[in-house]
Amino acid sequence: MTAVPLTLDATQTDLAADVEVYAYIVGLVAGVYYRLDASGVPHAMSQADNTQAAGSFPGSGELDAAAVAALASNYPTVWADYSIPLSRTAPATQLDLSKINTSTVPGLGTGTSAFSGRIYISVGVPRLPFTPQAAGYAAPVPYPGPGSQCLFDWVEFSYDSEGNFNGNTTQVDQFGFGLSLDGAPGGSLQGVLGIARETLLTNVQNLPGPFVGAPTLIAANPAAAAAYPANVVTLRAQSPKTLTALPTYSGALTDYFNATISTWYDNWKTTPLVVNDRATGYYTGVVDPGTGVLNFYQGQYPTLAEWKAAAPALAFALTGAAPSTVQVGSLDVWQCDNALASGGAAQLNVGKNVAAAFTRGVPGYLFDDSIGPSAAGTYYPVGGTWNAWAAQMHAANRNGLAYGFPYDDVCEQSPTVQLNGATQVSVVLGKFYS
């Protein structure tokens, strides 16, 4: 079997040479969770992997007692150390992706049977805790919880039995630091930031409107400063998707989109909403004036008269989650959740187009995924109601592409690398100070 080198490059960053960098590669196939070892060989996760005691972590001997105590809560339960040390000097660390195959991963196939995973990168002494359980595993989180005191980010990817790789950088949940992704054949470099990490964090902190006062930035514990790179005092920025899902959050993001959604629901009572997705085609949405529910029908009916004349059967309805059970609500849009992320293929595709339109501040009467990136210049209009986090992430990436919310792939706005018959893949740790 021909090797497919996965290069995990921590040699180009501007971190001091003694700063530790680790990778962790985990994934799922056919209901079984796997982790890769330092050679790239997959192993099914097991509770027997939980050899690290709660409150403890490798490398604690490098720190003073105050730092160790400050980081103990980062490891609330027993956990597994799946870290792969990355070389800080050339040549960069390489694994072989081809070791993910039908021999090492029973059930590996294509489509939904591909290896679906993440490549996590952590920087500094604290390593990411993974805790295999009887069903699944507890992963590190960007909000208060296991691993949240680690400095980390990740790339999402899939790799199938035919050697096809699909991956992307992401800021859907958080921004910790820059990671870039590329590969061959046919790859294109994604995820390179055009501004410094600290500048991006400052820009996020200064987001306007409903973000004012939101606990967006997560600071490192000063008592554990020696565990992190010099002068790095912020671990991450939390996205609005993450913030609004926290049970403790009750800020202005909660109902931010509500007025705009209500306006367009009124509009769609008299002029239908037509949604075209490349995979499932045209569906027309009409708000029932009696119930206020947005109902969808297969076909393209741009006027109420055409819809009435055709009298198509109801395909599905987009209803909100409590307490807004008629309209989709702001939390549905922030999190791309509930009716916007459920149902059959057609409803899922309509839902993602609706979520993307409100997120980007461009609701209207036609949402058409088939137009590709041609309308990107109209997104996030001045004076509009839109996701300022997502807008900032697009602005910060050198090529303007980002995953700033879960459905940012609509109209080709995501930083995706698709490699059919991959021959090489590279993930590069970005700079921290420039």
Protein backbone atom coordinates (compact mmCIF):
# COMPACT_ATOMS: atom_id res chain seq x y z
CA MET A 1 0.00 0.00 0.00
CA THR A 2 1.40 3.40 -1.01
CA ALA A 3 2.09 5.70 1.93
CA VAL A 4 0.12 8.94 2.24
CA PRO A 5 2.23 11.26 4.39
CA LEU A 6 0.35 13.45 6.84
CA THR A 7 2.76 16.21 7.81
CA LEU A 8 2.11 17.87 11.16
CA ASP A 9 4.40 20.88 10.96
CA ALA A 10 5.30 22.74 14.15
CA THR A 11 8.61 24.00 12.71
CA GLN A 12 7.38 27.17 10.97
CA THR A 13 5.70 28.86 13.92
CA ASP A 14 7.39 31.70 15.84
CA LEU A 15 7.07 30.02 19.23
CA ALA A 16 10.23 29.59 21.29
CA ALA A 17 12.06 26.38 20.49
CA ASP A 18 11.36 24.83 23.89
CA VAL A 19 7.56 25.21 23.72
CA GLU A 20 5.92 21.80 23.56
CA VAL A 21 3.45 21.04 20.75
CA TYR A 22 1.32 17.91 20.54
CA ALA A 23 -1.14 16.40 18.08
CA TYR A 24 -4.09 14.12 18.81
CA ILE A 25 -5.99 12.36 16.03
CA VAL A 26 -9.35 10.79 16.80
CA GLY A 27 -12.25 9.61 14.69
CA LEU A 28 -15.34 7.48 14.26
CA VAL A 29 -16.21 4.62 11.89
CA ALA A 30 -19.30 2.43 12.10
CA GLY A 31 -19.99 3.34 15.72
CA VAL A 32 -16.42 2.66 16.89
CA TYR A 33 -14.15 5.48 18.11
CA TYR A 34 -10.49 5.39 17.20
CA ARG A 35 -7.30 7.23 18.00
CA LEU A 36 -4.09 7.19 16.00
CA ASP A 37 -0.69 6.47 17.53
CA ALA A 38 2.56 8.21 16.63
CA SER A 39 2.99 5.93 13.61
CA GLY A 40 -0.50 6.67 12.32
CA VAL A 41 -1.91 3.26 13.26
CA PRO A 42 -5.56 3.41 14.40
CA HIS A 43 -6.57 1.83 17.70
CA ALA A 44 -10.10 1.46 19.02
CA MET A 45 -10.53 3.60 22.12
CA SER A 46 -10.91 1.67 25.35
CA GLN A 47 -11.64 2.55 28.96
CA ALA A 48 -8.37 0.76 29.70
CA ASP A 49 -6.67 3.76 28.03
CA ASN A 50 -7.64 5.95 31.01
CA THR A 51 -4.30 5.59 32.78
CA GLN A 52 -3.93 9.23 33.85
CA ALA A 53 -5.33 9.97 37.30
CA ALA A 54 -7.83 12.77 37.81
CA GLY A 55 -6.12 16.04 38.66
CA SER A 56 -2.79 14.91 37.22
CA PHE A 57 -1.01 15.49 33.92
CA PRO A 58 2.34 14.65 32.28
CA GLY A 59 4.86 17.46 32.51
CA SER A 60 3.66 18.69 35.87
CA GLY A 61 7.24 18.32 37.11
CA GLU A 62 8.21 21.24 34.87
CA LEU A 63 5.94 23.59 36.85
CA ASP A 64 5.82 24.94 40.38
CA ALA A 65 3.23 23.79 42.89
CA ALA A 66 0.94 26.79 42.30
CA ALA A 67 0.78 26.12 38.56
CA VAL A 68 0.11 22.42 39.09
CA ALA A 69 -2.69 23.22 41.51
CA ALA A 70 -4.18 25.77 39.10
CA LEU A 71 -4.32 23.17 36.31
CA ALA A 72 -5.65 20.25 38.35
CA SER A 73 -9.27 21.09 37.56
CA ASN A 74 -8.44 20.72 33.86
CA TYR A 75 -8.48 16.97 34.49
CA PRO A 76 -11.65 16.28 36.51
CA THR A 77 -11.70 12.52 35.83
CA VAL A 78 -9.34 9.76 34.79
CA TRP A 79 -8.21 10.25 31.22
CA ALA A 80 -6.21 8.89 28.30
CA ASP A 81 -3.10 10.60 26.97
CA TYR A 82 -3.36 10.32 23.19
CA SER A 83 -0.73 12.99 22.55
CA ILE A 84 1.78 12.72 19.72
CA PRO A 85 4.82 14.98 20.30
CA LEU A 86 5.57 17.16 17.29
CA SER A 87 9.07 18.05 16.21
CA ARG A 88 9.94 21.72 16.66
CA THR A 89 12.84 21.56 14.20
CA ALA A 90 12.95 20.30 10.62
CA PRO A 91 12.05 17.79 9.42
CA ALA A 92 8.45 18.07 10.57
CA THR A 93 6.62 15.11 12.08
CA GLN A 94 4.94 12.78 9.60
CA LEU A 95 2.35 10.02 9.98
CA ASP A 96 1.01 7.72 7.29
CA LEU A 97 -2.69 8.23 6.55
CA SER A 98 -2.81 5.04 4.49
CA LYS A 99 -2.68 3.11 7.76
CA ILE A 100 -6.34 4.02 8.05
CA ASN A 101 -7.59 1.19 5.86
CA THR A 102 -10.04 -1.70 5.85
CA SER A 103 -7.53 -3.95 7.62
CA THR A 104 -6.96 -1.64 10.58
CA VAL A 105 -10.47 -0.15 10.67
CA PRO A 106 -13.22 -2.73 10.05
CA GLY A 107 -16.27 -1.10 8.52
CA LEU A 108 -14.28 1.64 6.79
CA GLY A 109 -15.95 2.64 3.54
CA THR A 110 -17.04 5.76 1.70
CA GLY A 111 -19.62 8.43 2.45
CA THR A 112 -20.97 8.05 5.96
CA SER A 113 -18.67 5.04 6.44
CA ALA A 114 -15.50 7.13 6.08
CA PHE A 115 -13.19 7.79 9.03
CA SER A 116 -14.64 11.04 10.36
CA GLY A 117 -12.35 12.79 12.78
CA ARG A 118 -10.35 15.68 14.10
CA ILE A 119 -6.68 16.55 14.25
CA TYR A 120 -6.22 18.46 17.49
CA ILE A 121 -3.09 20.49 18.17
CA SER A 122 -2.15 21.68 21.67
CA VAL A 123 0.59 24.12 22.62
CA GLY A 124 2.32 24.27 25.99
CA VAL A 125 2.58 21.86 28.91
CA PRO A 126 -1.10 20.97 29.50
CA ARG A 127 -2.13 18.08 27.26
CA LEU A 128 -5.65 17.44 26.05
CA PRO A 129 -7.61 14.87 28.07
CA PHE A 130 -9.72 12.27 26.30
CA THR A 131 -11.80 9.92 28.46
CA PRO A 132 -13.14 6.81 26.71
CA GLN A 133 -16.42 5.67 28.23
CA ALA A 134 -18.69 2.66 27.87
CA ALA A 135 -20.30 4.48 24.95
CA GLY A 136 -18.18 7.10 23.17
CA TYR A 137 -15.71 9.35 24.93
CA ALA A 138 -15.49 12.70 26.67
CA ALA A 139 -13.55 15.15 24.50
CA PRO A 140 -11.82 18.38 25.50
CA VAL A 141 -14.12 21.39 25.34
CA PRO A 142 -13.61 25.13 24.62
CA TYR A 143 -15.95 26.16 27.46
CA PRO A 144 -15.48 25.42 31.19
CA GLY A 145 -14.85 21.69 31.45
CA PRO A 146 -12.23 19.03 30.69
CA GLY A 147 -9.31 20.40 28.71
CA SER A 148 -10.55 23.98 28.69
CA GLN A 149 -7.33 25.20 30.30
CA CYS A 150 -5.33 23.81 27.39
CA LEU A 151 -4.25 26.03 24.51
CA PHE A 152 -5.57 24.15 21.48
CA ASP A 153 -7.30 24.18 18.12
CA TRP A 154 -8.20 21.58 15.53
CA VAL A 155 -8.82 20.59 11.92
CA GLU A 156 -11.80 18.45 10.91
CA PHE A 157 -11.40 15.76 8.27
CA SER A 158 -12.63 12.53 6.76
CA TYR A 159 -10.63 9.80 5.04
CA ASP A 160 -12.28 6.93 3.24
CA SER A 161 -11.48 3.44 2.00
CA GLU A 162 -10.62 4.79 -1.46
CA GLY A 163 -8.03 7.19 -0.08
CA ASN A 164 -10.12 10.32 -0.51
CA PHE A 165 -9.49 13.11 2.02
CA ASN A 166 -11.81 15.97 2.87
CA GLY A 167 -10.81 18.47 5.53
CA ASN A 168 -11.19 22.01 6.74
CA THR A 169 -9.96 24.46 9.32
CA THR A 170 -12.72 25.72 11.60
CA GLN A 171 -13.77 28.53 13.91
CA VAL A 172 -17.31 27.23 14.38
CA ASP A 173 -16.78 26.69 18.12
CA GLN A 174 -13.72 28.73 19.00
CA PHE A 175 -10.49 30.33 17.82
CA GLY A 176 -7.33 29.26 19.64
CA PHE A 177 -4.63 29.86 17.04
CA GLY A 178 -4.06 29.61 13.33
CA LEU A 179 -3.76 26.26 11.56
CA SER A 180 -3.39 25.89 7.81
CA LEU A 181 -4.31 22.89 5.70
CA ASP A 182 -3.26 21.75 2.24
CA GLY A 183 -2.62 18.60 0.27
CA ALA A 184 -2.33 16.90 -3.10
CA PRO A 185 -3.53 16.28 -5.67
CA GLY A 186 -5.66 19.33 -6.29
CA GLY A 187 -5.43 20.96 -2.88
CA SER A 188 -5.45 24.68 -2.15
CA LEU A 189 -3.92 26.26 0.93
CA GLN A 190 -6.59 27.08 3.54
CA GLY A 191 -6.62 28.68 6.96
CA VAL A 192 -3.72 31.12 6.64
CA LEU A 193 -4.44 34.22 8.71
CA GLY A 194 -3.80 37.67 7.30
CA ILE A 195 -3.55 39.28 10.74
CA ALA A 196 -1.72 38.42 13.95
CA ARG A 197 -3.36 36.15 16.51
CA GLU A 198 -3.48 38.90 19.12
CA THR A 199 -5.06 41.31 16.63
CA LEU A 200 -7.80 38.81 15.84
CA LEU A 201 -8.48 38.22 19.54
CA THR A 202 -8.68 41.98 20.09
CA ASN A 203 -11.08 42.34 17.16
CA VAL A 204 -13.30 39.64 18.65
CA GLN A 205 -13.23 41.32 22.04
CA ASN A 206 -14.37 44.54 20.36
CA LEU A 207 -17.25 43.05 18.37
CA PRO A 208 -20.23 45.43 18.51
CA GLY A 209 -23.89 45.19 19.43
CA PRO A 210 -25.01 42.02 21.17
CA PHE A 211 -21.42 40.87 21.70
CA VAL A 212 -20.64 43.76 24.05
CA GLY A 213 -20.05 42.36 27.52
CA ALA A 214 -20.18 38.73 26.35
CA PRO A 215 -17.53 36.48 27.97
CA THR A 216 -15.95 35.80 24.60
CA LEU A 217 -12.25 35.62 25.52
CA ILE A 218 -11.00 32.92 27.88
CA ALA A 219 -7.90 33.89 29.82
CA ALA A 220 -5.18 31.57 31.02
CA ASN A 221 -4.91 31.23 34.79
CA PRO A 222 -2.09 33.62 35.79
CA ALA A 223 -0.86 31.10 38.36
CA ALA A 224 -0.16 28.69 35.48
CA ALA A 225 1.50 31.22 33.16
CA ALA A 226 4.67 29.11 32.94
CA ALA A 227 2.67 26.30 31.33
CA TYR A 228 2.01 28.37 28.20
CA PRO A 229 4.13 30.21 25.63
CA ALA A 230 5.59 33.51 26.77
CA ASN A 231 3.13 36.44 26.71
CA VAL A 232 0.17 34.26 25.72
CA VAL A 233 -2.49 35.25 28.24
CA THR A 234 -5.63 34.35 26.25
CA LEU A 235 -6.35 30.71 25.51
CA ARG A 236 -9.17 31.23 23.04
CA ALA A 237 -12.16 33.19 21.86
CA GLN A 238 -15.50 31.41 22.15
CA SER A 239 -17.87 31.59 19.19
CA PRO A 240 -21.50 32.69 19.55
CA LYS A 241 -22.51 29.08 18.83
CA THR A 242 -20.58 28.04 21.94
CA LEU A 243 -21.65 31.02 24.05
CA THR A 244 -25.36 30.70 23.38
CA ALA A 245 -25.31 26.98 24.19
CA LEU A 246 -23.96 27.59 27.70
CA PRO A 247 -26.67 27.18 30.35
CA THR A 248 -25.31 30.25 32.14
CA TYR A 249 -25.64 32.57 29.12
CA SER A 250 -28.60 34.96 28.97
CA GLY A 251 -27.18 37.93 27.07
CA ALA A 252 -28.29 39.92 24.06
CA LEU A 253 -27.36 37.21 21.55
CA THR A 254 -30.34 35.18 22.78
CA ASP A 255 -32.92 37.12 20.76
CA TYR A 256 -30.66 39.03 18.37
CA PHE A 257 -32.19 37.67 15.13
CA ASN A 258 -35.80 37.55 16.33
CA ALA A 259 -37.01 40.85 14.86
CA THR A 260 -35.44 40.12 11.47
CA ILE A 261 -36.87 36.61 11.44
CA SER A 262 -40.36 37.97 12.25
CA THR A 263 -40.12 40.55 9.46
CA TRP A 264 -39.27 37.91 6.89
CA TYR A 265 -41.91 35.50 8.14
CA ASP A 266 -44.44 38.27 7.46
CA ASN A 267 -42.95 38.80 3.99
CA TRP A 268 -43.16 35.09 3.18
CA LYS A 269 -46.91 35.10 3.84
CA THR A 270 -47.48 36.99 0.59
CA THR A 271 -44.34 36.26 -1.43
CA PRO A 272 -42.91 32.73 -1.22
CA LEU A 273 -39.35 31.88 -0.30
CA VAL A 274 -37.66 29.71 -2.94
CA VAL A 275 -34.67 27.63 -1.86
CA ASN A 276 -32.44 25.81 -4.31
CA ASP A 277 -29.84 23.36 -3.09
CA ARG A 278 -27.57 21.54 -5.51
CA ALA A 279 -28.31 18.15 -3.98
CA THR A 280 -32.10 18.25 -3.54
CA GLY A 281 -33.26 20.97 -5.93
CA TYR A 282 -36.01 23.54 -5.46
CA TYR A 283 -38.36 23.86 -2.50
CA THR A 284 -40.78 26.72 -1.93
CA GLY A 285 -41.63 28.04 1.52
CA VAL A 286 -44.86 29.84 2.41
CA VAL A 287 -45.77 31.08 5.90
CA ASP A 288 -49.28 30.01 6.85
CA PRO A 289 -51.07 33.24 7.90
CA GLY A 290 -53.14 31.32 10.44
CA THR A 291 -50.47 29.28 12.24
CA GLY A 292 -47.42 31.39 11.39
CA VAL A 293 -45.49 28.24 10.44
CA LEU A 294 -43.08 28.24 7.48
CA ASN A 295 -44.19 25.29 5.33
CA PHE A 296 -42.19 23.94 2.40
CA TYR A 297 -43.33 22.31 -0.83
CA GLN A 298 -41.23 20.64 -3.51
CA GLY A 299 -40.87 22.80 -6.61
CA GLN A 300 -40.19 26.39 -7.62
CA TYR A 301 -43.12 28.79 -7.14
CA PRO A 302 -41.88 32.39 -6.91
CA THR A 303 -45.39 33.87 -6.59
CA LEU A 304 -48.30 33.00 -4.35
CA ALA A 305 -50.53 32.61 -7.42
CA GLU A 306 -48.22 30.00 -8.96
CA TRP A 307 -48.05 28.11 -5.68
CA LYS A 308 -51.82 28.11 -5.27
CA ALA A 309 -52.34 26.98 -8.85
CA ALA A 310 -49.92 24.07 -8.49
CA ALA A 311 -51.36 23.05 -5.09
CA PRO A 312 -48.30 20.94 -4.20
CA ALA A 313 -48.33 18.59 -1.22
CA LEU A 314 -46.67 19.70 2.02
CA ALA A 315 -43.11 18.37 2.20
CA PHE A 316 -42.10 19.58 5.68
CA ALA A 317 -42.33 22.54 8.05
CA LEU A 318 -39.59 24.53 9.75
CA THR A 319 -40.82 25.10 13.28
CA GLY A 320 -38.94 26.66 16.14
CA ALA A 321 -37.82 25.16 19.42
CA ALA A 322 -39.31 26.18 22.77
CA PRO A 323 -40.07 28.86 23.75
CA SER A 324 -40.47 30.01 20.09
CA THR A 325 -42.35 27.01 18.77
CA VAL A 326 -43.78 28.61 15.61
CA GLN A 327 -40.90 30.55 14.07
CA VAL A 328 -37.31 29.45 14.08
CA GLY A 329 -35.52 31.55 16.69
CA SER A 330 -32.22 33.30 17.24
CA LEU A 331 -30.72 30.33 19.07
CA ASP A 332 -31.65 28.09 16.14
CA VAL A 333 -29.70 30.42 13.84
CA TRP A 334 -26.66 30.84 16.12
CA GLN A 335 -26.37 27.12 16.68
CA CYS A 336 -27.75 25.95 13.30
CA ASP A 337 -29.90 23.59 15.31
CA ASN A 338 -33.37 22.13 15.81
CA ALA A 339 -35.54 22.45 12.66
CA LEU A 340 -32.56 23.91 10.78
CA ALA A 341 -30.62 20.69 11.38
CA SER A 342 -33.20 17.91 11.34
CA GLY A 343 -35.46 15.94 9.02
CA GLY A 344 -34.68 14.29 5.74
CA ALA A 345 -32.14 15.38 3.15
CA ALA A 346 -34.36 18.05 1.62
CA GLN A 347 -35.23 19.64 4.97
CA LEU A 348 -31.58 19.57 6.04
CA ASN A 349 -30.54 21.33 2.84
CA VAL A 350 -33.31 23.91 3.09
CA GLY A 351 -32.49 24.45 6.77
CA LYS A 352 -28.83 25.12 6.13
CA ASN A 353 -29.66 27.66 3.42
CA VAL A 354 -32.10 29.46 5.72
CA ALA A 355 -29.56 29.48 8.55
CA ALA A 356 -26.83 30.77 6.25
CA ALA A 357 -29.01 33.58 4.90
CA PHE A 358 -29.88 34.95 8.35
CA THR A 359 -26.34 34.43 9.63
CA ARG A 360 -24.91 36.43 6.71
CA GLY A 361 -27.57 39.15 6.88
CA VAL A 362 -29.04 38.43 3.46
CA PRO A 363 -32.55 36.99 3.91
CA GLY A 364 -34.78 37.42 0.85
CA TYR A 365 -36.99 35.50 -1.51
CA LEU A 366 -34.41 33.24 -3.16
CA PHE A 367 -31.68 31.28 -1.40
CA ASP A 368 -29.65 29.54 -4.09
CA ASP A 369 -26.65 27.42 -3.13
CA SER A 370 -25.93 26.71 -6.81
CA ILE A 371 -24.61 30.23 -7.44
CA GLY A 372 -21.41 29.41 -5.54
CA PRO A 373 -19.28 32.27 -4.25
CA SER A 374 -20.57 34.90 -6.71
CA ALA A 375 -22.71 36.69 -4.08
CA ALA A 376 -20.09 36.72 -1.30
CA GLY A 377 -19.62 40.47 -1.68
CA THR A 378 -23.19 41.04 -0.50
CA TYR A 379 -22.78 39.15 2.77
CA TYR A 380 -22.60 40.99 6.10
CA PRO A 381 -24.00 44.30 4.74
CA VAL A 382 -23.42 47.57 6.57
CA GLY A 383 -26.30 48.27 8.91
CA GLY A 384 -27.64 44.73 8.67
CA THR A 385 -28.31 42.05 11.26
CA TRP A 386 -25.72 39.31 10.98
CA ASN A 387 -23.16 37.15 12.77
CA ALA A 388 -20.23 39.49 13.45
CA TRP A 389 -18.05 36.59 14.61
CA ALA A 390 -18.37 34.84 11.25
CA ALA A 391 -17.74 38.10 9.39
CA GLN A 392 -14.58 38.63 11.43
CA MET A 393 -13.28 35.14 10.74
CA HIS A 394 -13.75 35.58 6.99
CA ALA A 395 -12.00 38.94 7.13
CA ALA A 396 -9.09 37.48 9.11
CA ASN A 397 -8.40 34.62 6.70
CA ARG A 398 -6.14 35.60 3.85
CA ASN A 399 -8.34 34.06 1.16
CA GLY A 400 -11.61 35.22 2.75
CA LEU A 401 -12.84 31.68 3.42
CA ALA A 402 -13.74 30.43 6.91
CA TYR A 403 -15.99 28.13 8.85
CA GLY A 404 -17.43 30.83 11.09
CA PHE A 405 -20.69 28.92 11.64
CA PRO A 406 -21.75 25.30 10.98
CA TYR A 407 -23.26 25.93 7.52
CA ASP A 408 -20.54 28.17 6.12
CA ASP A 409 -20.09 25.70 3.27
CA VAL A 410 -23.26 27.11 1.68
CA CYS A 411 -22.21 28.92 -1.52
CA GLU A 412 -18.62 27.66 -1.16
CA GLN A 413 -17.51 29.95 1.66
CA SER A 414 -15.73 27.27 3.72
CA PRO A 415 -11.95 26.58 3.76
CA THR A 416 -12.32 23.03 2.49
CA VAL A 417 -9.60 20.84 1.01
CA GLN A 418 -10.91 17.95 -1.11
CA LEU A 419 -8.30 15.43 -2.27
CA ASN A 420 -9.46 12.54 -4.43
CA GLY A 421 -6.89 9.79 -4.05
CA ALA A 422 -4.82 11.82 -1.60
CA THR A 423 -1.05 11.54 -1.95
CA GLN A 424 -0.11 13.97 0.82
CA VAL A 425 -1.72 16.18 3.47
CA SER A 426 -0.16 18.90 5.60
CA VAL A 427 -1.28 20.77 8.71
CA VAL A 428 0.91 23.72 9.68
CA LEU A 429 0.88 25.47 13.04
CA GLY A 430 0.63 29.22 12.49
CA LYS A 431 2.42 32.10 14.14
CA PHE A 432 1.55 33.52 17.56
CA TYR A 433 3.31 36.88 17.60
CA SER A 434 3.18 38.19 14.03
